[in-house]
């Protein structure tokens, strides 16, 4: 049966863990103070990649054979990055990728129209 320590925290039967309100956390054996929290995981690079691809899609829309795959990749990676730590960069990459995709599709349609109506 868990018991409370002098700090009012619930301590496990073996005294190695305390309840912080969300999960059982380890405590040091001598002072029952919580150990240092684990270092945060490094941020995701998806947002930066999406932004780079979005910028590249704005540069390559004039060549639809390059602009379409780059802008599609920017939209996909930007969408994936919305749930990671690079949300802001990913959102910009998604927006720029959509703009590049639209420009590439318009350029491809104009090219097909010109090629078929000569």
N, C-alpha and C. Protein backbone atom coordinates (compact mmCIF):
# COMPACT_ATOMS: atom_id res chain seq x y z
N UNK A 1 0.84 -1.18 0.00
CA UNK A 1 0.00 0.00 0.00
C UNK A 1 0.89 1.24 0.00
N UNK A 2 0.70 2.16 -0.95
CA UNK A 2 1.52 3.38 -0.97
C UNK A 2 1.27 4.23 0.27
N UNK A 3 2.29 4.95 0.67
CA UNK A 3 2.20 5.83 1.83
C UNK A 3 2.66 7.22 1.43
N UNK A 4 2.35 8.21 2.25
CA UNK A 4 2.78 9.58 1.96
C UNK A 4 4.05 9.87 2.74
N UNK A 5 4.95 10.63 2.10
CA UNK A 5 6.17 11.05 2.80
C UNK A 5 5.93 12.40 3.47
N UNK A 6 6.99 12.98 4.02
CA UNK A 6 6.86 14.26 4.73
C UNK A 6 6.49 15.41 3.79
N UNK A 7 6.71 15.23 2.49
CA UNK A 7 6.38 16.27 1.52
C UNK A 7 4.95 16.11 0.99
N UNK A 8 4.22 15.08 1.43
CA UNK A 8 2.86 14.87 0.98
C UNK A 8 2.76 14.09 -0.32
N UNK A 9 3.86 13.53 -0.77
CA UNK A 9 3.85 12.75 -2.01
C UNK A 9 3.58 11.29 -1.69
N UNK A 10 2.90 10.61 -2.60
CA UNK A 10 2.66 9.18 -2.42
C UNK A 10 3.91 8.43 -2.85
N UNK A 11 4.42 7.59 -1.95
CA UNK A 11 5.63 6.81 -2.18
C UNK A 11 5.25 5.35 -2.33
N UNK A 12 5.92 4.64 -3.25
CA UNK A 12 5.63 3.23 -3.45
C UNK A 12 6.09 2.41 -2.25
N UNK A 13 5.67 1.15 -2.20
CA UNK A 13 6.00 0.28 -1.08
C UNK A 13 7.50 0.12 -0.88
N UNK A 14 8.24 0.05 -2.00
CA UNK A 14 9.69 -0.14 -1.86
C UNK A 14 10.43 1.19 -1.68
N UNK A 15 9.74 2.33 -1.76
CA UNK A 15 10.34 3.63 -1.55
C UNK A 15 11.14 4.15 -2.72
N UNK A 16 11.08 3.49 -3.87
CA UNK A 16 11.88 3.89 -5.01
C UNK A 16 11.14 4.84 -5.95
N UNK A 17 9.82 4.91 -5.84
CA UNK A 17 9.03 5.71 -6.76
C UNK A 17 8.08 6.62 -5.99
N UNK A 18 7.75 7.77 -6.60
CA UNK A 18 6.71 8.63 -6.05
C UNK A 18 5.75 9.01 -7.18
N UNK A 19 4.52 9.33 -6.80
CA UNK A 19 3.47 9.68 -7.77
C UNK A 19 3.44 11.19 -7.93
N UNK A 20 3.66 11.69 -9.19
CA UNK A 20 3.67 13.13 -9.42
C UNK A 20 2.33 13.65 -9.96
N UNK A 21 1.32 12.81 -9.97
CA UNK A 21 0.01 13.21 -10.47
C UNK A 21 -0.27 12.66 -11.85
N UNK A 22 0.77 12.24 -12.57
CA UNK A 22 0.59 11.67 -13.90
C UNK A 22 1.21 10.29 -14.02
N UNK A 23 2.38 10.09 -13.37
CA UNK A 23 3.09 8.83 -13.49
C UNK A 23 3.99 8.63 -12.28
N UNK A 24 4.41 7.40 -12.07
CA UNK A 24 5.36 7.12 -11.00
C UNK A 24 6.74 7.56 -11.44
N UNK A 25 7.41 8.35 -10.63
CA UNK A 25 8.74 8.87 -10.93
C UNK A 25 9.75 8.32 -9.93
N UNK A 26 11.00 8.09 -10.36
CA UNK A 26 12.00 7.59 -9.42
C UNK A 26 12.44 8.69 -8.45
N UNK A 27 12.80 8.27 -7.23
CA UNK A 27 13.31 9.19 -6.23
C UNK A 27 14.69 8.70 -5.80
N UNK A 28 15.49 9.61 -5.27
CA UNK A 28 16.79 9.20 -4.77
C UNK A 28 16.60 8.49 -3.44
N UNK A 29 17.49 7.59 -3.11
CA UNK A 29 17.33 6.75 -1.92
C UNK A 29 17.52 7.54 -0.63
N UNK A 30 18.33 8.59 -0.64
CA UNK A 30 18.66 9.28 0.59
C UNK A 30 17.64 10.36 0.93
N UNK A 31 17.30 11.23 -0.01
CA UNK A 31 16.46 12.38 0.31
C UNK A 31 15.04 12.29 -0.22
N UNK A 32 14.73 11.28 -0.95
CA UNK A 32 13.42 11.15 -1.58
C UNK A 32 13.09 12.34 -2.48
N UNK A 33 14.10 12.95 -3.02
CA UNK A 33 13.90 14.04 -3.97
C UNK A 33 13.86 13.45 -5.37
N UNK A 34 13.09 14.02 -6.26
CA UNK A 34 13.02 13.47 -7.62
C UNK A 34 14.37 13.61 -8.31
N UNK A 35 14.66 12.64 -9.15
CA UNK A 35 15.88 12.71 -9.94
C UNK A 35 15.70 13.75 -11.05
N UNK A 36 16.76 14.09 -11.72
CA UNK A 36 16.70 15.06 -12.81
C UNK A 36 15.86 14.49 -13.95
N UNK A 37 15.02 15.31 -14.55
CA UNK A 37 14.23 14.80 -15.67
C UNK A 37 15.13 14.45 -16.85
N UNK A 38 14.67 13.53 -17.63
CA UNK A 38 15.42 13.12 -18.81
C UNK A 38 15.54 14.29 -19.78
N UNK A 39 16.65 14.33 -20.48
CA UNK A 39 16.86 15.40 -21.46
C UNK A 39 15.81 15.30 -22.56
N UNK A 40 15.35 16.43 -23.01
CA UNK A 40 14.33 16.46 -24.06
C UNK A 40 14.92 15.90 -25.36
N UNK A 41 14.08 15.23 -26.09
CA UNK A 41 14.51 14.68 -27.37
C UNK A 41 14.79 15.83 -28.33
N UNK A 42 15.76 15.67 -29.20
CA UNK A 42 16.05 16.75 -30.15
C UNK A 42 14.86 16.99 -31.07
N UNK A 43 14.73 18.22 -31.52
CA UNK A 43 13.61 18.59 -32.37
C UNK A 43 13.64 17.89 -33.71
N UNK A 44 12.51 17.83 -34.32
CA UNK A 44 12.37 17.19 -35.61
C UNK A 44 12.86 18.12 -36.71
N UNK A 45 13.48 17.56 -37.73
CA UNK A 45 13.98 18.35 -38.85
C UNK A 45 12.96 18.47 -39.98
N UNK A 46 11.78 17.87 -39.78
CA UNK A 46 10.78 17.88 -40.86
C UNK A 46 10.34 19.29 -41.23
N UNK A 47 10.22 20.17 -40.25
CA UNK A 47 9.78 21.54 -40.53
C UNK A 47 10.77 22.27 -41.41
N UNK A 48 12.05 22.16 -41.10
CA UNK A 48 13.08 22.81 -41.91
C UNK A 48 13.16 22.23 -43.31
N UNK A 49 13.01 20.92 -43.40
CA UNK A 49 13.02 20.27 -44.72
C UNK A 49 11.82 20.74 -45.54
N UNK A 50 10.66 20.81 -44.91
CA UNK A 50 9.46 21.27 -45.62
C UNK A 50 9.62 22.70 -46.11
N UNK A 51 10.22 23.56 -45.26
CA UNK A 51 10.43 24.95 -45.66
C UNK A 51 11.40 25.02 -46.83
N UNK A 52 12.47 24.26 -46.77
CA UNK A 52 13.43 24.25 -47.88
C UNK A 52 12.81 23.76 -49.18
N UNK A 53 12.00 22.71 -49.09
CA UNK A 53 11.32 22.22 -50.29
C UNK A 53 10.29 23.22 -50.79
N UNK A 54 9.61 23.92 -49.88
CA UNK A 54 8.64 24.93 -50.29
C UNK A 54 9.30 26.08 -51.04
N UNK A 55 10.45 26.51 -50.54
CA UNK A 55 11.19 27.58 -51.22
C UNK A 55 11.68 27.09 -52.57
N UNK A 56 12.18 25.86 -52.61
CA UNK A 56 12.65 25.30 -53.88
C UNK A 56 11.51 25.16 -54.88
N UNK A 57 10.30 24.84 -54.39
CA UNK A 57 9.17 24.70 -55.32
C UNK A 57 8.81 26.03 -55.96
N UNK A 58 9.05 27.14 -55.22
CA UNK A 58 8.79 28.46 -55.81
C UNK A 58 9.85 28.82 -56.85
N UNK A 59 11.02 28.21 -56.74
CA UNK A 59 12.07 28.47 -57.72
C UNK A 59 11.91 27.59 -58.96
N UNK A 60 11.40 26.37 -58.78
CA UNK A 60 11.36 25.41 -59.88
C UNK A 60 9.99 25.28 -60.53
N UNK A 61 9.03 26.14 -60.23
CA UNK A 61 7.71 26.01 -60.83
C UNK A 61 7.75 26.26 -62.34
N UNK A 62 8.77 26.97 -62.81
CA UNK A 62 8.88 27.24 -64.25
C UNK A 62 9.20 25.98 -65.04
N UNK A 63 9.78 24.99 -64.39
CA UNK A 63 10.04 23.70 -65.02
C UNK A 63 9.14 22.66 -64.34
N UNK A 64 7.96 22.42 -64.89
CA UNK A 64 7.00 21.55 -64.20
C UNK A 64 7.54 20.15 -63.91
N UNK A 65 8.46 19.67 -64.72
CA UNK A 65 9.00 18.34 -64.48
C UNK A 65 9.80 18.28 -63.18
N UNK A 66 10.33 19.42 -62.74
CA UNK A 66 11.00 19.51 -61.45
C UNK A 66 10.09 20.12 -60.38
N UNK A 67 9.29 21.08 -60.77
CA UNK A 67 8.45 21.79 -59.81
C UNK A 67 7.37 20.94 -59.18
N UNK A 68 6.76 20.06 -59.98
CA UNK A 68 5.68 19.22 -59.44
C UNK A 68 6.18 18.27 -58.35
N UNK A 69 7.24 17.48 -58.58
CA UNK A 69 7.67 16.58 -57.49
C UNK A 69 8.19 17.32 -56.26
N UNK A 70 8.88 18.42 -56.47
CA UNK A 70 9.40 19.17 -55.33
C UNK A 70 8.26 19.77 -54.51
N UNK A 71 7.27 20.33 -55.18
CA UNK A 71 6.16 20.94 -54.45
C UNK A 71 5.29 19.88 -53.78
N UNK A 72 5.11 18.73 -54.41
CA UNK A 72 4.36 17.64 -53.77
C UNK A 72 5.10 17.16 -52.52
N UNK A 73 6.43 17.05 -52.63
CA UNK A 73 7.23 16.65 -51.46
C UNK A 73 7.12 17.69 -50.35
N UNK A 74 7.11 18.97 -50.71
CA UNK A 74 6.97 20.03 -49.70
C UNK A 74 5.62 19.94 -48.99
N UNK A 75 4.57 19.66 -49.73
CA UNK A 75 3.25 19.55 -49.13
C UNK A 75 3.18 18.33 -48.21
N UNK A 76 3.73 17.20 -48.63
CA UNK A 76 3.69 15.98 -47.83
C UNK A 76 4.51 16.15 -46.55
N UNK A 77 5.75 16.61 -46.68
CA UNK A 77 6.60 16.77 -45.50
C UNK A 77 6.06 17.87 -44.60
N UNK A 78 5.52 18.92 -45.18
CA UNK A 78 4.90 19.97 -44.37
C UNK A 78 3.71 19.46 -43.58
N UNK A 79 2.90 18.61 -44.19
CA UNK A 79 1.78 18.01 -43.49
C UNK A 79 2.23 17.09 -42.36
N UNK A 80 3.30 16.33 -42.60
CA UNK A 80 3.83 15.45 -41.57
C UNK A 80 4.44 16.23 -40.41
N UNK A 81 4.98 17.39 -40.69
CA UNK A 81 5.66 18.15 -39.65
C UNK A 81 4.71 18.92 -38.75
N UNK A 82 3.43 18.95 -39.08
CA UNK A 82 2.48 19.70 -38.25
C UNK A 82 2.29 19.08 -36.87
N UNK A 83 2.65 17.82 -36.72
CA UNK A 83 2.52 17.17 -35.42
C UNK A 83 3.84 17.05 -34.68
N UNK A 84 4.89 17.71 -35.17
CA UNK A 84 6.20 17.64 -34.53
C UNK A 84 6.57 19.00 -33.96
N UNK A 85 7.81 19.09 -33.50
CA UNK A 85 8.25 20.34 -32.88
C UNK A 85 8.52 21.43 -33.91
N UNK A 86 8.66 21.09 -35.18
CA UNK A 86 8.91 22.08 -36.22
C UNK A 86 7.65 22.56 -36.88
N UNK A 87 6.59 22.76 -36.08
CA UNK A 87 5.27 23.10 -36.61
C UNK A 87 5.26 24.38 -37.43
N UNK A 88 5.91 25.43 -36.94
CA UNK A 88 5.84 26.73 -37.62
C UNK A 88 6.55 26.67 -38.97
N UNK A 89 7.74 26.10 -39.00
CA UNK A 89 8.46 25.97 -40.27
C UNK A 89 7.71 25.04 -41.22
N UNK A 90 7.14 23.98 -40.67
CA UNK A 90 6.38 23.05 -41.50
C UNK A 90 5.16 23.69 -42.11
N UNK A 91 4.51 24.56 -41.35
CA UNK A 91 3.33 25.26 -41.88
C UNK A 91 3.73 26.16 -43.04
N UNK A 92 4.85 26.88 -42.87
CA UNK A 92 5.32 27.73 -43.98
C UNK A 92 5.72 26.88 -45.19
N UNK A 93 6.37 25.74 -44.95
CA UNK A 93 6.71 24.85 -46.05
C UNK A 93 5.48 24.33 -46.76
N UNK A 94 4.43 24.02 -45.97
CA UNK A 94 3.19 23.55 -46.56
C UNK A 94 2.54 24.63 -47.42
N UNK A 95 2.52 25.86 -46.93
CA UNK A 95 1.91 26.97 -47.69
C UNK A 95 2.71 27.23 -48.97
N UNK A 96 4.03 27.32 -48.84
CA UNK A 96 4.85 27.59 -50.03
C UNK A 96 4.78 26.43 -51.01
N UNK A 97 4.70 25.20 -50.49
CA UNK A 97 4.56 24.04 -51.37
C UNK A 97 3.25 24.06 -52.14
N UNK A 98 2.16 24.48 -51.47
CA UNK A 98 0.87 24.59 -52.16
C UNK A 98 0.90 25.66 -53.24
N UNK A 99 1.54 26.78 -52.94
CA UNK A 99 1.67 27.84 -53.94
C UNK A 99 2.50 27.34 -55.12
N UNK A 100 3.62 26.69 -54.83
CA UNK A 100 4.47 26.14 -55.89
C UNK A 100 3.74 25.08 -56.70
N UNK A 101 2.94 24.25 -56.02
CA UNK A 101 2.17 23.22 -56.73
C UNK A 101 1.16 23.86 -57.67
N UNK A 102 0.47 24.88 -57.19
CA UNK A 102 -0.50 25.57 -58.05
C UNK A 102 0.17 26.21 -59.26
N UNK A 103 1.29 26.88 -59.04
CA UNK A 103 2.00 27.52 -60.15
C UNK A 103 2.52 26.46 -61.14
N UNK A 104 3.02 25.34 -60.63
CA UNK A 104 3.53 24.28 -61.50
C UNK A 104 2.41 23.67 -62.33
N UNK A 105 1.24 23.46 -61.71
CA UNK A 105 0.12 22.89 -62.45
C UNK A 105 -0.39 23.86 -63.52
N UNK A 106 -0.44 25.15 -63.19
CA UNK A 106 -0.85 26.14 -64.19
C UNK A 106 0.14 26.18 -65.33
N UNK A 107 1.44 26.16 -65.01
CA UNK A 107 2.47 26.19 -66.04
C UNK A 107 2.39 24.93 -66.92
N UNK A 108 2.14 23.78 -66.31
CA UNK A 108 2.02 22.55 -67.09
C UNK A 108 0.79 22.61 -68.00
N UNK A 109 -0.34 23.12 -67.48
CA UNK A 109 -1.55 23.21 -68.29
C UNK A 109 -1.37 24.18 -69.46
N UNK A 110 -0.70 25.31 -69.21
CA UNK A 110 -0.44 26.26 -70.29
C UNK A 110 0.48 25.63 -71.33
N UNK A 111 1.47 24.88 -70.86
CA UNK A 111 2.38 24.21 -71.80
C UNK A 111 1.66 23.19 -72.66
N UNK A 112 0.76 22.42 -72.07
CA UNK A 112 -0.02 21.43 -72.84
C UNK A 112 -0.93 22.15 -73.81
N UNK A 113 -1.55 23.24 -73.40
CA UNK A 113 -2.42 23.98 -74.29
C UNK A 113 -1.65 24.55 -75.48
N UNK A 114 -0.50 25.11 -75.22
CA UNK A 114 0.31 25.69 -76.31
C UNK A 114 0.77 24.58 -77.26
N UNK A 115 1.17 23.43 -76.70
CA UNK A 115 1.67 22.33 -77.54
C UNK A 115 0.58 21.73 -78.40
N UNK A 116 -0.65 21.71 -77.95
CA UNK A 116 -1.72 21.08 -78.71
C UNK A 116 -2.44 22.04 -79.66
N UNK A 117 -2.27 23.32 -79.51
CA UNK A 117 -2.96 24.28 -80.34
C UNK A 117 -2.02 25.05 -81.26
N UNK A 118 -1.05 24.40 -81.80
CA UNK A 118 -0.17 25.05 -82.78
C UNK A 118 -0.48 24.61 -84.15
